[in-house]
Amino acid sequence: MYIEALIAIEDICIVIANLPLSHFGMHSPNRSASTLMNTEMNRELQYNTVEMAVIITRNVPLLTEEQITIYDRIMLTVSVGQ
């Protein structure tokens, strides 16, 4: 239970300051590389999808032709799961 609490505290430090506990003079919990990656991935996925859709809907029409081409390529790649 101690390790889980320490991991939760460090996760908060990473979200707020993008720094591990060791930066603040505390011991960082022992984590595997996959755990660190999962924490980072979860942090990156914490955004409001409805708000993001509104931003995209509002801003895509403002793109230049070149930007639209690149945007469409990216969206196609994402949609086929590559």
PDB file of N, CA and C in Angstrom:
ATOM      1  N   MET A   1       0.823  -1.189   0.000  1.00  0.00           N
ATOM      2  CA  MET A   1       0.000   0.000   0.000  1.00  0.00           C
ATOM      3  C   MET A   1       0.874   1.263   0.000  1.00  0.00           C
ATOM      4  N   TYR A   2       2.003   1.197   0.683  1.00  0.00           N
ATOM      5  CA  TYR A   2       2.927   2.331   0.726  1.00  0.00           C
ATOM      6  C   TYR A   2       3.403   2.688  -0.674  1.00  0.00           C
ATOM      7  N   ILE A   3       3.759   1.665  -1.461  1.00  0.00           N
ATOM      8  CA  ILE A   3       4.271   1.899  -2.814  1.00  0.00           C
ATOM      9  C   ILE A   3       3.193   2.550  -3.680  1.00  0.00           C
ATOM     10  N   GLU A   4       1.952   2.059  -3.570  1.00  0.00           N
ATOM     11  CA  GLU A   4       0.868   2.630  -4.368  1.00  0.00           C
ATOM     12  C   GLU A   4       0.649   4.100  -4.024  1.00  0.00           C
ATOM     13  N   ALA A   5       0.731   4.430  -2.733  1.00  0.00           N
ATOM     14  CA  ALA A   5       0.565   5.827  -2.315  1.00  0.00           C
ATOM     15  C   ALA A   5       1.702   6.686  -2.853  1.00  0.00           C
ATOM     16  N   LEU A   6       2.923   6.145  -2.789  1.00  0.00           N
ATOM     17  CA  LEU A   6       4.081   6.876  -3.296  1.00  0.00           C
ATOM     18  C   LEU A   6       3.970   7.095  -4.804  1.00  0.00           C
ATOM     19  N   ILE A   7       3.493   6.074  -5.513  1.00  0.00           N
ATOM     20  CA  ILE A   7       3.299   6.201  -6.961  1.00  0.00           C
ATOM     21  C   ILE A   7       2.244   7.267  -7.257  1.00  0.00           C
ATOM     22  N   ALA A   8       1.153   7.273  -6.482  1.00  0.00           N
ATOM     23  CA  ALA A   8       0.092   8.269  -6.690  1.00  0.00           C
ATOM     24  C   ALA A   8       0.616   9.687  -6.451  1.00  0.00           C
ATOM     25  N   ILE A   9       1.423   9.851  -5.412  1.00  0.00           N
ATOM     26  CA  ILE A   9       1.998  11.173  -5.125  1.00  0.00           C
ATOM     27  C   ILE A   9       2.940  11.594  -6.243  1.00  0.00           C
ATOM     28  N   GLU A  10       3.778  10.655  -6.699  1.00  0.00           N
ATOM     29  CA  GLU A  10       4.702  10.995  -7.776  1.00  0.00           C
ATOM     30  C   GLU A  10       3.942  11.326  -9.059  1.00  0.00           C
ATOM     31  N   ASP A  11       2.862  10.594  -9.325  1.00  0.00           N
ATOM     32  CA  ASP A  11       2.055  10.893 -10.514  1.00  0.00           C
ATOM     33  C   ASP A  11       1.537  12.331 -10.475  1.00  0.00           C
ATOM     34  N   ILE A  12       1.121  12.776  -9.304  1.00  0.00           N
ATOM     35  CA  ILE A  12       0.639  14.152  -9.160  1.00  0.00           C
ATOM     36  C   ILE A  12       1.771  15.141  -9.421  1.00  0.00           C
ATOM     37  N   CYS A  13       2.962  14.834  -8.886  1.00  0.00           N
ATOM     38  CA  CYS A  13       4.129  15.706  -9.131  1.00  0.00           C
ATOM     39  C   CYS A  13       4.447  15.778 -10.618  1.00  0.00           C
ATOM     40  N   ILE A  14       4.337  14.647 -11.300  1.00  0.00           N
ATOM     41  CA  ILE A  14       4.631  14.613 -12.732  1.00  0.00           C
ATOM     42  C   ILE A  14       3.598  15.429 -13.503  1.00  0.00           C
ATOM     43  N   VAL A  15       2.330  15.313 -13.116  1.00  0.00           N
ATOM     44  CA  VAL A  15       1.277  16.076 -13.798  1.00  0.00           C
ATOM     45  C   VAL A  15       1.468  17.575 -13.573  1.00  0.00           C
ATOM     46  N   ILE A  16       1.755  17.962 -12.341  1.00  0.00           N
ATOM     47  CA  ILE A  16       1.857  19.384 -12.012  1.00  0.00           C
ATOM     48  C   ILE A  16       3.168  19.999 -12.490  1.00  0.00           C
ATOM     49  N   ALA A  17       4.287  19.320 -12.180  1.00  0.00           N
ATOM     50  CA  ALA A  17       5.595  19.933 -12.441  1.00  0.00           C
ATOM     51  C   ALA A  17       6.406  19.213 -13.505  1.00  0.00           C
ATOM     52  N   ASN A  18       5.888  18.078 -13.997  1.00  0.00           N
ATOM     53  CA  ASN A  18       6.609  17.247 -14.963  1.00  0.00           C
ATOM     54  C   ASN A  18       7.962  16.802 -14.401  1.00  0.00           C
ATOM     55  N   LEU A  19       7.988  16.562 -13.077  1.00  0.00           N
ATOM     56  CA  LEU A  19       9.211  16.146 -12.398  1.00  0.00           C
ATOM     57  C   LEU A  19       8.902  15.006 -11.428  1.00  0.00           C
ATOM     58  N   PRO A  20       9.820  14.044 -11.296  1.00  0.00           N
ATOM     59  CA  PRO A  20       9.612  12.940 -10.353  1.00  0.00           C
ATOM     60  C   PRO A  20       9.875  13.390  -8.917  1.00  0.00           C
ATOM     61  N   LEU A  21       9.503  12.540  -7.967  1.00  0.00           N
ATOM     62  CA  LEU A  21       9.732  12.854  -6.557  1.00  0.00           C
ATOM     63  C   LEU A  21      11.204  13.078  -6.248  1.00  0.00           C
ATOM     64  N   SER A  22      12.074  12.362  -6.930  1.00  0.00           N
ATOM     65  CA  SER A  22      13.510  12.486  -6.658  1.00  0.00           C
ATOM     66  C   SER A  22      13.998  13.927  -6.857  1.00  0.00           C
ATOM     67  N   HIS A  23      13.344  14.655  -7.735  1.00  0.00           N
ATOM     68  CA  HIS A  23      13.710  16.061  -7.951  1.00  0.00           C
ATOM     69  C   HIS A  23      13.453  16.903  -6.700  1.00  0.00           C
ATOM     70  N   PHE A  24      12.487  16.474  -5.891  1.00  0.00           N
ATOM     71  CA  PHE A  24      12.114  17.210  -4.689  1.00  0.00           C
ATOM     72  C   PHE A  24      12.766  16.639  -3.429  1.00  0.00           C
ATOM     73  N   GLY A  25      13.792  15.801  -3.612  1.00  0.00           N
ATOM     74  CA  GLY A  25      14.533  15.260  -2.477  1.00  0.00           C
ATOM     75  C   GLY A  25      13.903  14.058  -1.814  1.00  0.00           C
ATOM     76  N   MET A  26      12.910  13.455  -2.451  1.00  0.00           N
ATOM     77  CA  MET A  26      12.264  12.254  -1.910  1.00  0.00           C
ATOM     78  C   MET A  26      12.647  11.061  -2.773  1.00  0.00           C
ATOM     79  N   HIS A  27      12.476   9.872  -2.220  1.00  0.00           N
ATOM     80  CA  HIS A  27      12.759   8.665  -2.988  1.00  0.00           C
ATOM     81  C   HIS A  27      11.621   8.410  -3.969  1.00  0.00           C
ATOM     82  N   SER A  28      11.982   8.126  -5.206  1.00  0.00           N
ATOM     83  CA  SER A  28      10.981   7.759  -6.204  1.00  0.00           C
ATOM     84  C   SER A  28      10.644   6.285  -6.041  1.00  0.00           C
ATOM     85  N   PRO A  29       9.384   5.924  -6.267  1.00  0.00           N
ATOM     86  CA  PRO A  29       9.016   4.509  -6.160  1.00  0.00           C
ATOM     87  C   PRO A  29       9.662   3.699  -7.280  1.00  0.00           C
ATOM     88  N   ASN A  30       9.876   2.428  -7.011  1.00  0.00           N
ATOM     89  CA  ASN A  30      10.425   1.524  -8.013  1.00  0.00           C
ATOM     90  C   ASN A  30       9.331   1.195  -9.024  1.00  0.00           C
ATOM     91  N   ARG A  31       9.544   1.552 -10.251  1.00  0.00           N
ATOM     92  CA  ARG A  31       8.561   1.275 -11.305  1.00  0.00           C
ATOM     93  C   ARG A  31       9.270   0.638 -12.475  1.00  0.00           C
ATOM     94  N   SER A  32       8.541  -0.173 -13.194  1.00  0.00           N
ATOM     95  CA  SER A  32       9.095  -0.730 -14.423  1.00  0.00           C
ATOM     96  C   SER A  32       8.940   0.303 -15.534  1.00  0.00           C
ATOM     97  N   ALA A  33       9.663   0.113 -16.624  1.00  0.00           N
ATOM     98  CA  ALA A  33       9.569   1.041 -17.759  1.00  0.00           C
ATOM     99  C   ALA A  33       8.156   1.066 -18.321  1.00  0.00           C
ATOM    100  N   SER A  34       7.484  -0.089 -18.335  1.00  0.00           N
ATOM    101  CA  SER A  34       6.120  -0.129 -18.874  1.00  0.00           C
ATOM    102  C   SER A  34       5.155   0.654 -17.994  1.00  0.00           C
ATOM    103  N   THR A  35       5.368   0.617 -16.683  1.00  0.00           N
ATOM    104  CA  THR A  35       4.518   1.390 -15.775  1.00  0.00           C
ATOM    105  C   THR A  35       4.697   2.878 -16.017  1.00  0.00           C
ATOM    106  N   LEU A  36       5.953   3.297 -16.209  1.00  0.00           N
ATOM    107  CA  LEU A  36       6.215   4.707 -16.497  1.00  0.00           C
ATOM    108  C   LEU A  36       5.550   5.132 -17.799  1.00  0.00           C
ATOM    109  N   MET A  37       5.629   4.266 -18.806  1.00  0.00           N
ATOM    110  CA  MET A  37       5.026   4.574 -20.101  1.00  0.00           C
ATOM    111  C   MET A  37       3.512   4.649 -19.973  1.00  0.00           C
ATOM    112  N   ASN A  38       2.902   3.722 -19.218  1.00  0.00           N
ATOM    113  CA  ASN A  38       1.454   3.741 -19.029  1.00  0.00           C
ATOM    114  C   ASN A  38       1.012   5.012 -18.311  1.00  0.00           C
ATOM    115  N   THR A  39       1.777   5.439 -17.319  1.00  0.00           N
ATOM    116  CA  THR A  39       1.450   6.670 -16.600  1.00  0.00           C
ATOM    117  C   THR A  39       1.490   7.861 -17.540  1.00  0.00           C
ATOM    118  N   GLU A  40       2.530   7.920 -18.351  1.00  0.00           N
ATOM    119  CA  GLU A  40       2.666   9.023 -19.308  1.00  0.00           C
ATOM    120  C   GLU A  40       1.536   8.983 -20.340  1.00  0.00           C
ATOM    121  N   MET A  41       1.217   7.785 -20.820  1.00  0.00           N
ATOM    122  CA  MET A  41       0.150   7.632 -21.812  1.00  0.00           C
ATOM    123  C   MET A  41      -1.191   8.069 -21.225  1.00  0.00           C
ATOM    124  N   ASN A  42      -1.477   7.652 -20.008  1.00  0.00           N
ATOM    125  CA  ASN A  42      -2.726   8.058 -19.362  1.00  0.00           C
ATOM    126  C   ASN A  42      -2.795   9.566 -19.185  1.00  0.00           C
ATOM    127  N   ARG A  43      -1.683  10.172 -18.817  1.00  0.00           N
ATOM    128  CA  ARG A  43      -1.651  11.626 -18.641  1.00  0.00           C
ATOM    129  C   ARG A  43      -1.936  12.333 -19.963  1.00  0.00           C
ATOM    130  N   GLU A  44      -1.378  11.815 -21.039  1.00  0.00           N
ATOM    131  CA  GLU A  44      -1.571  12.430 -22.354  1.00  0.00           C
ATOM    132  C   GLU A  44      -3.002  12.269 -22.865  1.00  0.00           C
ATOM    133  N   LEU A  45      -3.707  11.242 -22.393  1.00  0.00           N
ATOM    134  CA  LEU A  45      -5.061  10.983 -22.877  1.00  0.00           C
ATOM    135  C   LEU A  45      -6.145  11.650 -22.029  1.00  0.00           C
ATOM    136  N   GLN A  46      -5.752  12.406 -21.022  1.00  0.00           N
ATOM    137  CA  GLN A  46      -6.730  13.050 -20.153  1.00  0.00           C
ATOM    138  C   GLN A  46      -7.080  14.444 -20.679  1.00  0.00           C
ATOM    139  N   TYR A  47      -7.968  14.466 -21.643  1.00  0.00           N
ATOM    140  CA  TYR A  47      -8.444  15.741 -22.170  1.00  0.00           C
ATOM    141  C   TYR A  47      -9.920  15.585 -22.507  1.00  0.00           C
ATOM    142  N   ASN A  48     -10.595  16.677 -22.648  1.00  0.00           N
ATOM    143  CA  ASN A  48     -12.023  16.692 -22.918  1.00  0.00           C
ATOM    144  C   ASN A  48     -12.243  16.477 -24.416  1.00  0.00           C
ATOM    145  N   THR A  49     -12.741  15.297 -24.787  1.00  0.00           N
ATOM    146  CA  THR A  49     -12.910  14.969 -26.206  1.00  0.00           C
ATOM    147  C   THR A  49     -13.976  15.829 -26.876  1.00  0.00           C
ATOM    148  N   VAL A  50     -15.002  16.211 -26.148  1.00  0.00           N
ATOM    149  CA  VAL A  50     -16.051  17.061 -26.721  1.00  0.00           C
ATOM    150  C   VAL A  50     -15.473  18.441 -27.038  1.00  0.00           C
ATOM    151  N   GLU A  51     -14.721  18.980 -26.086  1.00  0.00           N
ATOM    152  CA  GLU A  51     -14.094  20.287 -26.305  1.00  0.00           C
ATOM    153  C   GLU A  51     -13.100  20.222 -27.462  1.00  0.00           C
ATOM    154  N   MET A  52     -12.351  19.124 -27.553  1.00  0.00           N
ATOM    155  CA  MET A  52     -11.386  18.961 -28.642  1.00  0.00           C
ATOM    156  C   MET A  52     -12.107  18.897 -29.991  1.00  0.00           C
ATOM    157  N   ALA A  53     -13.241  18.210 -30.055  1.00  0.00           N
ATOM    158  CA  ALA A  53     -14.009  18.125 -31.300  1.00  0.00           C
ATOM    159  C   ALA A  53     -14.504  19.500 -31.737  1.00  0.00           C
ATOM    160  N   VAL A  54     -14.923  20.316 -30.781  1.00  0.00           N
ATOM    161  CA  VAL A  54     -15.378  21.678 -31.089  1.00  0.00           C
ATOM    162  C   VAL A  54     -14.222  22.501 -31.658  1.00  0.00           C
ATOM    163  N   ILE A  55     -13.057  22.380 -31.044  1.00  0.00           N
ATOM    164  CA  ILE A  55     -11.877  23.118 -31.517  1.00  0.00           C
ATOM    165  C   ILE A  55     -11.519  22.696 -32.935  1.00  0.00           C
ATOM    166  N   ILE A  56     -11.558  21.394 -33.194  1.00  0.00           N
ATOM    167  CA  ILE A  56     -11.227  20.887 -34.530  1.00  0.00           C
ATOM    168  C   ILE A  56     -12.243  21.375 -35.549  1.00  0.00           C
ATOM    169  N   THR A  57     -13.529  21.261 -35.215  1.00  0.00           N
ATOM    170  CA  THR A  57     -14.586  21.699 -36.129  1.00  0.00           C
ATOM    171  C   THR A  57     -14.449  23.181 -36.470  1.00  0.00           C
ATOM    172  N   ARG A  58     -14.063  23.964 -35.493  1.00  0.00           N
ATOM    173  CA  ARG A  58     -13.914  25.405 -35.696  1.00  0.00           C
ATOM    174  C   ARG A  58     -12.662  25.746 -36.508  1.00  0.00           C
ATOM    175  N   ASN A  59     -11.580  24.983 -36.316  1.00  0.00           N
ATOM    176  CA  ASN A  59     -10.300  25.380 -36.898  1.00  0.00           C
ATOM    177  C   ASN A  59      -9.926  24.699 -38.211  1.00  0.00           C
ATOM    178  N   VAL A  60     -10.467  23.531 -38.502  1.00  0.00           N
ATOM    179  CA  VAL A  60     -10.124  22.857 -39.762  1.00  0.00           C
ATOM    180  C   VAL A  60     -10.452  23.730 -40.974  1.00  0.00           C
ATOM    181  N   PRO A  61     -11.595  24.411 -41.013  1.00  0.00           N
ATOM    182  CA  PRO A  61     -11.874  25.269 -42.173  1.00  0.00           C
ATOM    183  C   PRO A  61     -10.869  26.412 -42.355  1.00  0.00           C
ATOM    184  N   LEU A  62     -10.111  26.726 -41.341  1.00  0.00           N
ATOM    185  CA  LEU A  62      -9.141  27.822 -41.420  1.00  0.00           C
ATOM    186  C   LEU A  62      -7.785  27.375 -41.971  1.00  0.00           C
ATOM    187  N   LEU A  63      -7.618  26.067 -42.179  1.00  0.00           N
ATOM    188  CA  LEU A  63      -6.332  25.546 -42.649  1.00  0.00           C
ATOM    189  C   LEU A  63      -6.077  25.914 -44.106  1.00  0.00           C
ATOM    190  N   THR A  64      -4.802  26.034 -44.448  1.00  0.00           N
ATOM    191  CA  THR A  64      -4.428  26.245 -45.850  1.00  0.00           C
ATOM    192  C   THR A  64      -4.572  24.919 -46.589  1.00  0.00           C
ATOM    193  N   GLU A  65      -4.474  24.950 -47.920  1.00  0.00           N
ATOM    194  CA  GLU A  65      -4.565  23.715 -48.708  1.00  0.00           C
ATOM    195  C   GLU A  65      -3.518  22.702 -48.282  1.00  0.00           C
ATOM    196  N   GLU A  66      -2.298  23.184 -48.112  1.00  0.00           N
ATOM    197  CA  GLU A  66      -1.210  22.289 -47.709  1.00  0.00           C
ATOM    198  C   GLU A  66      -1.484  21.683 -46.326  1.00  0.00           C
ATOM    199  N   GLN A  67      -1.963  22.488 -45.406  1.00  0.00           N
ATOM    200  CA  GLN A  67      -2.280  22.002 -44.066  1.00  0.00           C
ATOM    201  C   GLN A  67      -3.420  20.987 -44.097  1.00  0.00           C
ATOM    202  N   ILE A  68      -4.425  21.231 -44.947  1.00  0.00           N
ATOM    203  CA  ILE A  68      -5.546  20.295 -45.073  1.00  0.00           C
ATOM    204  C   ILE A  68      -5.057  18.956 -45.613  1.00  0.00           C
ATOM    205  N   THR A  69      -4.169  18.989 -46.606  1.00  0.00           N
ATOM    206  CA  THR A  69      -3.611  17.756 -47.163  1.00  0.00           C
ATOM    207  C   THR A  69      -2.894  16.964 -46.078  1.00  0.00           C
ATOM    208  N   ILE A  70      -2.070  17.633 -45.301  1.00  0.00           N
ATOM    209  CA  ILE A  70      -1.338  16.967 -44.222  1.00  0.00           C
ATOM    210  C   ILE A  70      -2.301  16.462 -43.152  1.00  0.00           C
ATOM    211  N   TYR A  71      -3.269  17.277 -42.780  1.00  0.00           N
ATOM    212  CA  TYR A  71      -4.271  16.886 -41.785  1.00  0.00           C
ATOM    213  C   TYR A  71      -5.023  15.641 -42.249  1.00  0.00           C
ATOM    214  N   ASP A  72      -5.454  15.635 -43.509  1.00  0.00           N
ATOM    215  CA  ASP A  72      -6.181  14.486 -44.048  1.00  0.00           C
ATOM    216  C   ASP A  72      -5.326  13.222 -44.039  1.00  0.00           C
ATOM    217  N   ARG A  73      -4.050  13.347 -44.383  1.00  0.00           N
ATOM    218  CA  ARG A  73      -3.146  12.186 -44.351  1.00  0.00           C
ATOM    219  C   ARG A  73      -3.013  11.633 -42.938  1.00  0.00           C
ATOM    220  N   ILE A  74      -2.852  12.525 -41.987  1.00  0.00           N
ATOM    221  CA  ILE A  74      -2.724  12.094 -40.589  1.00  0.00           C
ATOM    222  C   ILE A  74      -3.999  11.405 -40.131  1.00  0.00           C
ATOM    223  N   MET A  75      -5.143  12.001 -40.418  1.00  0.00           N
ATOM    224  CA  MET A  75      -6.415  11.421 -39.993  1.00  0.00           C
ATOM    225  C   MET A  75      -6.661  10.064 -40.647  1.00  0.00           C
ATOM    226  N   LEU A  76      -6.277   9.915 -41.916  1.00  0.00           N
ATOM    227  CA  LEU A  76      -6.420   8.631 -42.603  1.00  0.00           C
ATOM    228  C   LEU A  76      -5.537   7.575 -41.944  1.00  0.00           C
ATOM    229  N   THR A  77      -4.302   7.940 -41.649  1.00  0.00           N
ATOM    230  CA  THR A  77      -3.381   7.008 -40.997  1.00  0.00           C
ATOM    231  C   THR A  77      -3.909   6.585 -39.635  1.00  0.00           C
ATOM    232  N   VAL A  78      -4.421   7.530 -38.871  1.00  0.00           N
ATOM    233  CA  VAL A  78      -4.965   7.222 -37.548  1.00  0.00           C
ATOM    234  C   VAL A  78      -6.194   6.330 -37.674  1.00  0.00           C
ATOM    235  N   SER A  79      -7.051   6.611 -38.636  1.00  0.00           N
ATOM    236  CA  SER A  79      -8.298   5.845 -38.765  1.00  0.00           C
ATOM    237  C   SER A  79      -8.068   4.393 -39.176  1.00  0.00           C
ATOM    238  N   VAL A  80      -6.986   4.120 -39.905  1.00  0.00           N
ATOM    239  CA  VAL A  80      -6.698   2.726 -40.279  1.00  0.00           C
ATOM    240  C   VAL A  80      -5.830   2.038 -39.229  1.00  0.00           C
ATOM    241  N   GLY A  81      -5.490   2.752 -38.181  1.00  0.00           N
ATOM    242  CA  GLY A  81      -4.790   2.155 -37.056  1.00  0.00           C
ATOM    243  C   GLY A  81      -3.300   1.982 -37.214  1.00  0.00           C
ATOM    244  N   GLN A  82      -2.673   2.786 -38.036  1.00  0.00           N
ATOM    245  CA  GLN A  82      -1.223   2.655 -38.211  1.00  0.00           C
ATOM    246  C   GLN A  82      -0.483   3.522 -37.229  1.00  0.00           C
TER     247      GLN A  82
END
